[in-house]
Amino acid sequence: MTEIKSIQKETNVDIELIEMARIGYSNPTPPSVMSKENVEIMKRICDELHYKHTIINNGTGHDAMIMTDFAPTNLIYVPSKDGISHHPDEWTDYEDLKKGIDVMMHLVYEICK
């Protein structure tokens, strides 16, 4: 709380904290719906950059479940070696990471125009 008060004083910006709890875990928060408009932009970006892409229509989790309440939200997935994810053995080649970053950068640029 001390840090927040210091930031408020320094920036002259009021900060409000709202606690958002997930009651009765495993996960009562339903999957979130991604921004269709952003998906269309990302498809175009991938086509322009000649990047292969697949649209995943499953409901998403992660921080997206919370963020969709506040802002248009999307996830960009990049391939993991042998399909291993959320595990210490997970590995994504740097070239694939770069492609994901390229798509994100172009998306943010497009949205900010």
Protein backbone atom coordinates (compact mmCIF):
# COMPACT_ATOMS: atom_id res chain seq x y z
CA MET A 1 0.00 0.00 0.00
CA THR A 2 2.90 2.34 0.72
CA GLU A 3 4.14 2.03 -2.88
CA ILE A 4 0.67 2.81 -4.26
CA LYS A 5 0.35 5.92 -2.10
CA SER A 6 3.80 7.05 -3.24
CA ILE A 7 2.83 6.58 -6.91
CA GLN A 8 -0.43 8.47 -6.40
CA LYS A 9 1.39 11.37 -4.78
CA GLU A 10 4.15 11.45 -7.43
CA THR A 11 1.81 11.20 -10.44
CA ASN A 12 -1.29 12.91 -9.05
CA VAL A 13 -3.31 9.92 -10.28
CA ASP A 14 -5.86 8.16 -8.10
CA ILE A 15 -5.44 4.39 -7.92
CA GLU A 16 -8.25 2.02 -7.03
CA LEU A 17 -7.57 -1.63 -6.28
CA ILE A 18 -10.35 -4.13 -6.79
CA GLU A 19 -9.79 -7.65 -5.54
CA MET A 20 -11.03 -10.22 -8.03
CA ALA A 21 -11.05 -13.71 -6.55
CA ARG A 22 -11.85 -17.00 -8.17
CA ILE A 23 -14.13 -18.74 -5.74
CA GLY A 24 -14.16 -22.53 -5.48
CA TYR A 25 -11.11 -23.18 -7.67
CA SER A 26 -10.44 -25.24 -9.95
CA ASN A 27 -11.65 -22.48 -12.23
CA PRO A 28 -15.12 -20.95 -12.02
CA THR A 29 -14.19 -18.21 -14.51
CA PRO A 30 -15.57 -19.23 -17.90
CA PRO A 31 -13.34 -19.18 -20.98
CA SER A 32 -13.16 -15.74 -22.52
CA VAL A 33 -14.04 -14.66 -26.03
CA MET A 34 -11.25 -13.06 -27.98
CA SER A 35 -11.69 -9.94 -30.10
CA LYS A 36 -12.91 -11.03 -33.55
CA GLU A 37 -11.77 -7.74 -35.05
CA ASN A 38 -8.21 -8.32 -33.83
CA VAL A 39 -8.28 -11.90 -35.14
CA GLU A 40 -9.08 -10.57 -38.60
CA ILE A 41 -6.24 -8.06 -38.36
CA MET A 42 -3.82 -10.76 -37.21
CA LYS A 43 -4.85 -13.07 -40.05
CA ARG A 44 -4.08 -10.28 -42.53
CA ILE A 45 -0.76 -9.56 -40.82
CA CYS A 46 0.24 -13.24 -40.98
CA ASP A 47 -0.69 -13.36 -44.67
CA GLU A 48 1.33 -10.20 -45.38
CA LEU A 49 4.35 -11.59 -43.50
CA HIS A 50 3.88 -15.03 -45.12
CA TYR A 51 3.51 -16.69 -41.69
CA LYS A 52 1.50 -19.87 -41.39
CA HIS A 53 -1.38 -19.48 -38.95
CA THR A 54 -4.28 -21.37 -37.48
CA ILE A 55 -7.27 -19.88 -35.70
CA ILE A 56 -7.96 -21.67 -32.43
CA ASN A 57 -11.63 -21.37 -31.53
CA ASN A 58 -11.38 -22.88 -28.08
CA GLY A 59 -12.19 -20.69 -25.12
CA THR A 60 -9.02 -19.29 -23.65
CA GLY A 61 -7.78 -19.03 -20.13
CA HIS A 62 -4.69 -17.46 -18.62
CA ASP A 63 -4.88 -13.74 -17.86
CA ALA A 64 -7.20 -13.32 -20.83
CA MET A 65 -10.12 -14.48 -18.66
CA ILE A 66 -9.75 -11.33 -16.59
CA MET A 67 -8.58 -8.90 -19.29
CA THR A 68 -11.59 -9.39 -21.59
CA ASP A 69 -13.67 -7.57 -18.98
CA PHE A 70 -11.56 -4.44 -19.55
CA ALA A 71 -10.14 -4.42 -23.07
CA PRO A 72 -10.23 -6.24 -26.40
CA THR A 73 -8.03 -9.26 -25.77
CA ASN A 74 -6.29 -11.90 -27.86
CA LEU A 75 -3.66 -14.57 -27.39
CA ILE A 76 -0.94 -15.33 -29.91
CA TYR A 77 0.26 -18.91 -29.66
CA VAL A 78 3.61 -20.06 -30.98
CA PRO A 79 4.61 -23.71 -31.45
CA SER A 80 6.35 -25.57 -28.64
CA LYS A 81 8.80 -28.38 -29.39
CA ASP A 82 6.98 -31.72 -29.37
CA GLY A 83 3.80 -29.88 -28.33
CA ILE A 84 4.98 -29.69 -24.71
CA SER A 85 3.46 -26.74 -22.88
CA HIS A 86 3.27 -25.57 -19.26
CA HIS A 87 6.14 -27.85 -18.31
CA PRO A 88 9.86 -27.35 -17.58
CA ASP A 89 10.70 -29.16 -20.86
CA GLU A 90 8.75 -26.62 -22.90
CA TRP A 91 10.85 -25.04 -25.67
CA THR A 92 9.98 -22.69 -28.50
CA ASP A 93 12.54 -21.91 -31.19
CA TYR A 94 13.65 -18.29 -31.28
CA GLU A 95 12.47 -17.90 -34.89
CA ASP A 96 8.94 -18.88 -33.81
CA LEU A 97 9.11 -16.46 -30.87
CA LYS A 98 10.16 -13.71 -33.29
CA LYS A 99 7.18 -14.45 -35.52
CA GLY A 100 4.80 -14.19 -32.57
CA ILE A 101 6.40 -10.90 -31.53
CA ASP A 102 6.19 -9.62 -35.11
CA VAL A 103 2.45 -10.33 -35.22
CA MET A 104 1.90 -8.69 -31.83
CA MET A 105 3.95 -5.62 -32.79
CA HIS A 106 2.08 -5.17 -36.07
CA LEU A 107 -1.27 -5.67 -34.31
CA VAL A 108 -0.50 -3.02 -31.69
CA TYR A 109 0.72 -0.66 -34.41
CA GLU A 110 -2.48 -1.22 -36.40
CA ILE A 111 -4.73 -0.70 -33.38
CA CYS A 112 -2.89 2.52 -32.46
CA LYS A 113 -3.34 4.14 -35.89
